Structures are given as structure tokens and as C-alpha cells.
C-alpha atoms as a PDB file:
ATOM      1  CA  MET A   1     -14.983 -16.594 -16.880  1.00  0.00           C
ATOM      2  CA  PRO A   2     -10.614 -15.273 -18.816  1.00  0.00           C
ATOM      3  CA  SER A   3      -8.491 -18.615 -19.370  1.00  0.00           C
ATOM      4  CA  ASP A   4      -5.617 -18.498 -16.951  1.00  0.00           C
ATOM      5  CA  ARG A   5      -3.534 -17.085 -19.474  1.00  0.00           C
ATOM      6  CA  GLU A   6      -5.861 -14.738 -19.695  1.00  0.00           C
ATOM      7  CA  THR A   7      -5.246 -13.919 -15.918  1.00  0.00           C
ATOM      8  CA  ALA A   8      -1.142 -14.951 -15.845  1.00  0.00           C
ATOM      9  CA  PHE A   9       0.405 -12.710 -13.119  1.00  0.00           C
ATOM     10  CA  ALA A  10       3.346 -13.156 -10.704  1.00  0.00           C
ATOM     11  CA  VAL A  11       2.963 -11.847  -7.246  1.00  0.00           C
ATOM     12  CA  TRP A  12       5.499 -12.077  -4.814  1.00  0.00           C
ATOM     13  CA  LEU A  13       4.923 -12.095  -1.060  1.00  0.00           C
ATOM     14  CA  THR A  14       8.015 -10.884   1.105  1.00  0.00           C
ATOM     15  CA  GLY A  15       8.319  -9.945   4.192  1.00  0.00           C
ATOM     16  CA  LEU A  16      10.988 -11.119   7.266  1.00  0.00           C
ATOM     17  CA  PRO A  17      10.667 -14.884   8.510  1.00  0.00           C
ATOM     18  CA  ALA A  18       7.593 -15.372  10.521  1.00  0.00           C
ATOM     19  CA  SER A  19       5.958 -12.242   9.624  1.00  0.00           C
ATOM     20  CA  GLY A  20       2.521 -14.377   8.007  1.00  0.00           C
ATOM     21  CA  LYS A  21       3.810 -14.803   4.474  1.00  0.00           C
ATOM     22  CA  SER A  22       2.938 -17.928   3.945  1.00  0.00           C
ATOM     23  CA  THR A  23      -0.680 -17.622   6.063  1.00  0.00           C
ATOM     24  CA  VAL A  24      -1.348 -15.012   3.322  1.00  0.00           C
ATOM     25  CA  ALA A  25       0.059 -17.222   0.261  1.00  0.00           C
ATOM     26  CA  ARG A  26      -2.432 -19.504   1.568  1.00  0.00           C
ATOM     27  CA  ALA A  27      -5.500 -17.402   1.937  1.00  0.00           C
ATOM     28  CA  LEU A  28      -5.060 -15.845  -1.735  1.00  0.00           C
ATOM     29  CA  ALA A  29      -4.583 -18.717  -3.047  1.00  0.00           C
ATOM     30  CA  ALA A  30      -7.643 -19.604  -1.799  1.00  0.00           C
ATOM     31  CA  GLU A  31      -9.546 -16.528  -2.567  1.00  0.00           C
ATOM     32  CA  LEU A  32      -8.361 -16.583  -6.486  1.00  0.00           C
ATOM     33  CA  GLY A  33      -9.259 -20.484  -6.548  1.00  0.00           C
ATOM     34  CA  GLY A  34     -13.371 -19.141  -5.664  1.00  0.00           C
ATOM     35  CA  LYS A  35     -13.058 -16.427  -8.147  1.00  0.00           C
ATOM     36  CA  GLY A  36     -12.126 -19.747 -10.784  1.00  0.00           C
ATOM     37  CA  ILE A  37      -8.167 -19.074 -10.960  1.00  0.00           C
ATOM     38  CA  ARG A  38      -5.751 -21.697  -9.887  1.00  0.00           C
ATOM     39  CA  THR A  39      -1.947 -20.763  -9.354  1.00  0.00           C
ATOM     40  CA  ALA A  40       1.263 -22.307  -8.717  1.00  0.00           C
ATOM     41  CA  VAL A  41       2.412 -21.981  -5.497  1.00  0.00           C
ATOM     42  CA  LEU A  42       6.570 -21.233  -5.078  1.00  0.00           C
ATOM     43  CA  GLU A  43       6.857 -21.137  -1.462  1.00  0.00           C
ATOM     44  CA  SER A  44      10.513 -20.461  -1.307  1.00  0.00           C
ATOM     45  CA  ASP A  45      11.449 -23.442   1.779  1.00  0.00           C
ATOM     46  CA  ALA A  46      10.114 -26.587  -0.894  1.00  0.00           C
ATOM     47  CA  VAL A  47      11.464 -24.893  -3.784  1.00  0.00           C
ATOM     48  CA  ARG A  48      15.181 -24.865  -1.679  1.00  0.00           C
ATOM     49  CA  ARG A  49      15.125 -28.245  -0.564  1.00  0.00           C
ATOM     50  CA  ALA A  50      15.297 -29.014  -4.391  1.00  0.00           C
ATOM     51  CA  ILE A  51      17.860 -27.011  -5.191  1.00  0.00           C
ATOM     52  CA  THR A  52      20.168 -26.522  -2.440  1.00  0.00           C
ATOM     53  CA  PRO A  53      19.009 -29.401   0.080  1.00  0.00           C
ATOM     54  CA  ASN A  54      22.121 -28.091   2.157  1.00  0.00           C
ATOM     55  CA  ALA A  55      21.433 -24.507   2.173  1.00  0.00           C
ATOM     56  CA  THR A  56      24.089 -22.350   4.008  1.00  0.00           C
ATOM     57  CA  TYR A  57      22.241 -18.705   3.032  1.00  0.00           C
ATOM     58  CA  GLY A  58      25.718 -17.498   2.235  1.00  0.00           C
ATOM     59  CA  GLU A  59      24.849 -14.305  -0.385  1.00  0.00           C
ATOM     60  CA  ALA A  60      25.960 -16.011  -3.673  1.00  0.00           C
ATOM     61  CA  GLU A  61      23.935 -19.269  -2.744  1.00  0.00           C
ATOM     62  CA  ARG A  62      21.571 -16.128  -2.106  1.00  0.00           C
ATOM     63  CA  GLU A  63      21.815 -14.747  -5.130  1.00  0.00           C
ATOM     64  CA  ALA A  64      21.297 -17.776  -7.124  1.00  0.00           C
ATOM     65  CA  PHE A  65      18.409 -19.139  -5.488  1.00  0.00           C
ATOM     66  CA  TYR A  66      16.091 -15.695  -6.001  1.00  0.00           C
ATOM     67  CA  ALA A  67      17.314 -15.536  -9.326  1.00  0.00           C
ATOM     68  CA  THR A  68      16.337 -18.884 -10.070  1.00  0.00           C
ATOM     69  CA  LEU A  69      12.956 -18.670  -8.014  1.00  0.00           C
ATOM     70  CA  ALA A  70      11.833 -15.711 -10.219  1.00  0.00           C
ATOM     71  CA  TYR A  71      13.202 -18.160 -12.948  1.00  0.00           C
ATOM     72  CA  LEU A  72      10.671 -20.296 -12.347  1.00  0.00           C
ATOM     73  CA  ALA A  73       8.031 -17.775 -11.980  1.00  0.00           C
ATOM     74  CA  ARG A  74       8.580 -15.877 -15.238  1.00  0.00           C
ATOM     75  CA  VAL A  75       8.257 -19.240 -16.824  1.00  0.00           C
ATOM     76  CA  LEU A  76       5.113 -19.985 -15.140  1.00  0.00           C
ATOM     77  CA  VAL A  77       3.958 -16.261 -15.826  1.00  0.00           C
ATOM     78  CA  LEU A  78       4.888 -16.607 -19.647  1.00  0.00           C
ATOM     79  CA  HIS A  79       3.265 -20.524 -19.840  1.00  0.00           C
ATOM     80  CA  GLY A  80      -0.035 -18.330 -18.471  1.00  0.00           C
ATOM     81  CA  VAL A  81       0.305 -19.732 -15.647  1.00  0.00           C
ATOM     82  CA  PRO A  82      -0.492 -17.371 -12.067  1.00  0.00           C
ATOM     83  CA  VAL A  83       2.010 -17.736  -9.167  1.00  0.00           C
ATOM     84  CA  ILE A  84       2.109 -16.534  -6.310  1.00  0.00           C
ATOM     85  CA  VAL A  85       5.956 -16.717  -4.421  1.00  0.00           C
ATOM     86  CA  ASP A  86       6.110 -16.764  -0.848  1.00  0.00           C
ATOM     87  CA  ALA A  87      10.116 -15.710   0.150  1.00  0.00           C
ATOM     88  CA  THR A  88      11.286 -13.363   2.127  1.00  0.00           C
ATOM     89  CA  ALA A  89      13.972 -11.799  -0.465  1.00  0.00           C
ATOM     90  CA  ASN A  90      15.955 -10.410   2.183  1.00  0.00           C
ATOM     91  CA  ARG A  91      17.523  -7.841  -0.502  1.00  0.00           C
ATOM     92  CA  ARG A  92      15.461  -5.390  -2.426  1.00  0.00           C
ATOM     93  CA  ALA A  93      17.331  -6.498  -5.350  1.00  0.00           C
ATOM     94  CA  HIS A  94      16.450  -9.763  -5.446  1.00  0.00           C
ATOM     95  CA  ARG A  95      12.574  -8.355  -5.480  1.00  0.00           C
ATOM     96  CA  ASP A  96      13.661  -5.938  -8.187  1.00  0.00           C
ATOM     97  CA  ARG A  97      15.333  -8.208 -10.523  1.00  0.00           C
ATOM     98  CA  ALA A  98      11.954 -10.450 -10.647  1.00  0.00           C
ATOM     99  CA  ARG A  99       9.555  -7.107 -10.919  1.00  0.00           C
ATOM    100  CA  GLU A 100      12.231  -6.614 -14.280  1.00  0.00           C
ATOM    101  CA  ALA A 101      12.136  -9.866 -15.311  1.00  0.00           C
ATOM    102  CA  ILE A 102       7.976 -10.843 -14.713  1.00  0.00           C
ATOM    103  CA  PRO A 103       5.092  -9.680 -17.101  1.00  0.00           C
ATOM    104  CA  CYS A 104       1.986  -8.635 -14.691  1.00  0.00           C
ATOM    105  CA  PHE A 105       4.288  -8.356 -11.129  1.00  0.00           C
ATOM    106  CA  LEU A 106       2.992  -7.285  -7.843  1.00  0.00           C
ATOM    107  CA  GLU A 107       5.332  -7.138  -4.366  1.00  0.00           C
ATOM    108  CA  VAL A 108       3.237  -7.989  -1.057  1.00  0.00           C
ATOM    109  CA  HIS A 109       5.147  -6.320   2.096  1.00  0.00           C
ATOM    110  CA  VAL A 110       3.862  -8.635   4.921  1.00  0.00           C
ATOM    111  CA  ARG A 111       4.951  -6.277   7.116  1.00  0.00           C
ATOM    112  CA  CYS A 112       5.593  -7.572  11.042  1.00  0.00           C
ATOM    113  CA  PRO A 113       7.473  -6.245  14.045  1.00  0.00           C
ATOM    114  CA  LEU A 114      10.804  -7.886  14.030  1.00  0.00           C
ATOM    115  CA  ALA A 115       9.718  -9.030  18.358  1.00  0.00           C
ATOM    116  CA  VAL A 116       6.512 -10.539  16.712  1.00  0.00           C
ATOM    117  CA  CYS A 117       8.493 -12.466  14.358  1.00  0.00           C
ATOM    118  CA  GLN A 118      10.658 -13.815  17.290  1.00  0.00           C
ATOM    119  CA  ALA A 119       7.948 -14.933  19.127  1.00  0.00           C
ATOM    120  CA  ARG A 120       6.020 -16.640  16.281  1.00  0.00           C
ATOM    121  CA  ASP A 121       9.143 -18.526  15.364  1.00  0.00           C
ATOM    122  CA  PRO A 122       7.409 -21.911  14.095  1.00  0.00           C
ATOM    123  CA  LYS A 123      10.493 -22.850  12.381  1.00  0.00           C
ATOM    124  CA  GLY A 124      12.925 -21.817  15.287  1.00  0.00           C
ATOM    125  CA  ILE A 125      15.290 -19.890  12.480  1.00  0.00           C
ATOM    126  CA  TYR A 126      15.617 -17.164  15.203  1.00  0.00           C
ATOM    127  CA  ARG A 127      16.170 -19.219  17.870  1.00  0.00           C
ATOM    128  CA  ARG A 128      19.072 -20.793  16.165  1.00  0.00           C
ATOM    129  CA  GLY A 129      20.478 -17.400  14.996  1.00  0.00           C
ATOM    130  CA  ALA A 130      20.231 -16.386  18.925  1.00  0.00           C
ATOM    131  CA  GLU A 131      21.846 -19.473  19.298  1.00  0.00           C
ATOM    132  CA  GLY A 132      24.823 -18.950  16.808  1.00  0.00           C
ATOM    133  CA  THR A 133      23.693 -22.100  15.255  1.00  0.00           C
ATOM    134  CA  ALA A 134      22.135 -20.997  12.197  1.00  0.00           C
ATOM    135  CA  GLN A 135      23.468 -18.242   9.903  1.00  0.00           C
ATOM    136  CA  ASN A 136      22.226 -15.022   7.648  1.00  0.00           C
ATOM    137  CA  VAL A 137      19.266 -14.876   9.508  1.00  0.00           C
ATOM    138  CA  PRO A 138      17.194 -11.935   7.819  1.00  0.00           C
ATOM    139  CA  GLY A 139      16.743  -8.892  10.585  1.00  0.00           C
ATOM    140  CA  MET A 140      18.680 -10.577  13.163  1.00  0.00           C
ATOM    141  CA  SER A 141      22.549 -11.038  11.025  1.00  0.00           C
ATOM    142  CA  THR A 142      21.209 -10.217   7.497  1.00  0.00           C
ATOM    143  CA  PRO A 143      19.748  -6.925   6.620  1.00  0.00           C
ATOM    144  CA  TYR A 144      16.125  -7.151   5.397  1.00  0.00           C
ATOM    145  CA  GLU A 145      15.460  -4.330   3.275  1.00  0.00           C
ATOM    146  CA  SER A 146      11.601  -3.706   3.433  1.00  0.00           C
ATOM    147  CA  PRO A 147       9.974  -2.854  -0.039  1.00  0.00           C
ATOM    148  CA  LEU A 148      10.388   0.532  -0.793  1.00  0.00           C
ATOM    149  CA  THR A 149       6.676   1.156  -3.615  1.00  0.00           C
ATOM    150  CA  PRO A 150       5.312  -2.590  -3.127  1.00  0.00           C
ATOM    151  CA  GLU A 151       1.490  -2.499  -4.449  1.00  0.00           C
ATOM    152  CA  VAL A 152       0.323  -3.514  -1.188  1.00  0.00           C
ATOM    153  CA  VAL A 153       1.575  -3.283   2.838  1.00  0.00           C
ATOM    154  CA  VAL A 154      -0.186  -5.936   4.487  1.00  0.00           C
ATOM    155  CA  ASP A 155      -0.111  -6.057   8.668  1.00  0.00           C
ATOM    156  CA  GLY A 156       1.555  -9.143   9.525  1.00  0.00           C
ATOM    157  CA  GLU A 157       1.107  -8.951  13.213  1.00  0.00           C
ATOM    158  CA  ARG A 158      -2.887  -7.568  13.072  1.00  0.00           C
ATOM    159  CA  GLU A 159      -4.837  -7.928   9.603  1.00  0.00           C
ATOM    160  CA  ASP A 160      -6.694 -10.929   9.001  1.00  0.00           C
ATOM    161  CA  PRO A 161      -5.551 -12.871   6.001  1.00  0.00           C
ATOM    162  CA  ALA A 162      -8.687 -13.035   4.242  1.00  0.00           C
ATOM    163  CA  VAL A 163      -9.232  -9.386   4.206  1.00  0.00           C
ATOM    164  CA  ALA A 164      -5.295  -9.196   2.932  1.00  0.00           C
ATOM    165  CA  ALA A 165      -5.911 -11.679   0.081  1.00  0.00           C
ATOM    166  CA  ARG A 166      -8.789 -10.181  -0.963  1.00  0.00           C
ATOM    167  CA  ARG A 167      -6.963  -6.234  -1.281  1.00  0.00           C
ATOM    168  CA  ILE A 168      -4.179  -7.675  -2.707  1.00  0.00           C
ATOM    169  CA  VAL A 169      -7.629  -9.171  -5.423  1.00  0.00           C
ATOM    170  CA  SER A 170      -8.324  -5.991  -5.452  1.00  0.00           C
ATOM    171  CA  ALA A 171      -4.356  -4.445  -6.570  1.00  0.00           C
ATOM    172  CA  LEU A 172      -4.588  -7.207  -9.050  1.00  0.00           C
ATOM    173  CA  GLU A 173      -7.797  -6.268 -10.418  1.00  0.00           C
ATOM    174  CA  LYS A 174      -6.993  -2.363 -10.516  1.00  0.00           C
ATOM    175  CA  LYS A 175      -3.375  -3.115 -12.404  1.00  0.00           C
ATOM    176  CA  GLY A 176      -6.119  -4.858 -15.187  1.00  0.00           C
ATOM    177  CA  TYR A 177      -4.359  -8.466 -13.954  1.00  0.00           C
ATOM    178  CA  LEU A 178      -7.764 -10.075 -13.017  1.00  0.00           C
ATOM    179  CA  PRO A 179     -10.991  -8.903 -14.528  1.00  0.00           C
ATOM    180  CA  ARG A 180     -13.150  -6.660 -12.807  1.00  0.00           C
ATOM    181  CA  GLY A 181     -16.219  -7.860 -11.086  1.00  0.00           C
ATOM    182  CA  PRO A 182     -19.593  -7.603 -11.686  1.00  0.00           C
ATOM    183  CA  ALA A 183     -20.398  -4.271  -9.216  1.00  0.00           C
ATOM    184  CA  ASP A 184     -17.282  -2.247 -10.771  1.00  0.00           C
ATOM    185  CA  ALA A 185     -17.763  -2.638 -14.247  1.00  0.00           C
ATOM    186  CA  THR A 186     -20.083  -0.055 -15.489  1.00  0.00           C
ATOM    187  CA  GLU A 187     -22.924   0.425 -17.796  1.00  0.00           C
ATOM    188  CA  PRO A 188     -22.761   2.509 -20.984  1.00  0.00           C
ATOM    189  CA  GLY A 189     -25.167   4.994 -20.678  1.00  0.00           C
END
């Protein structure tokens, strides 16, 4: 089994709020854990509470927050810790900067229709946005820029999170960030 240093990478899960990013992140952490790969999960809400406890979600604050999140992921990867980033990062530029800064980067778009996200709304983000008590809600009052070329696209409305996690692991293997499983190994002839 390779060491964590040999498998250090960052998977950035992006998508609208309530698209299923956190559910996929948990499934991915479990799938990797089953392969003996321990990951750090940087969940944006938890990190944001530590960095900006009175978040306003304004553009300048988002720029600083996502730059910090990318920095944290980079430091972990450079120290041999595989990272799963669970963060909307509504602007493509946020994720592009992370891709440039982090070696072994994989972007996953958890695509889900806005209406489905609004119906789920576990944190009440869309409800507060509609009431006018929450500003800068991605997909409503603030644009969400979908990735142009993500390595993996997950159907956040219909796809089983465990299936999505296995597809992400397969993409990590194909990029060479993880060793391929025994079924993928070829014996010299």
C-alpha cells in the first residue's frame, strides 16, 4: 500500500448549494478510507466559521475565503495529505486558481438543477434568499459559473453518492494520483 505522501491530491467538489456536494464528499472519504487512504475534508461551512465567523458573502470576502481554502488544500497536499474540498466556489476563477496552485488537482462538478436544490434547501439558504434576509446566494442573486472542463460530472439529483465516489476514485487512478487496482494491472507477457 502506498504511503499518504505518494497519494496526495486534492479533489474539489463544486456545485450549487444543496446540490449534494457534502453527501458525495462523505461517500468519497469512505471509499478512499476503504482503500486505506485517509483524507482531510475541508468543508467550506466549517472552515468559513473559523475564518469569517460573521460572513457577509460579499465578493471581496469570497475571494479571500476561497484563496485561503485553496492555500490550506495546497499545504496539506504538499505535506502528503490527500484532501477533499467541499465548496461551492461560485466563480470559475476561484477553482482555476486552486487548480494552478495545487499539484494533483481534480475538479468534480456536482450538477443539480436549481429547482431541486431549492426544494432540498437543508440550511434554508434559498428560503432566506427569497425572503431577502440572505444576500449573494449562488444561483439566485449571485452567479454560479459551472466548470468548463471538470474531470468528473456527478448528477446530484439522480446519481447514488457511492457510485459517484467510485467514479471519482477511478478518475484519480486514471490521472495517476492513486495506484490502479489489481484488475487494472497488466502482467508482462
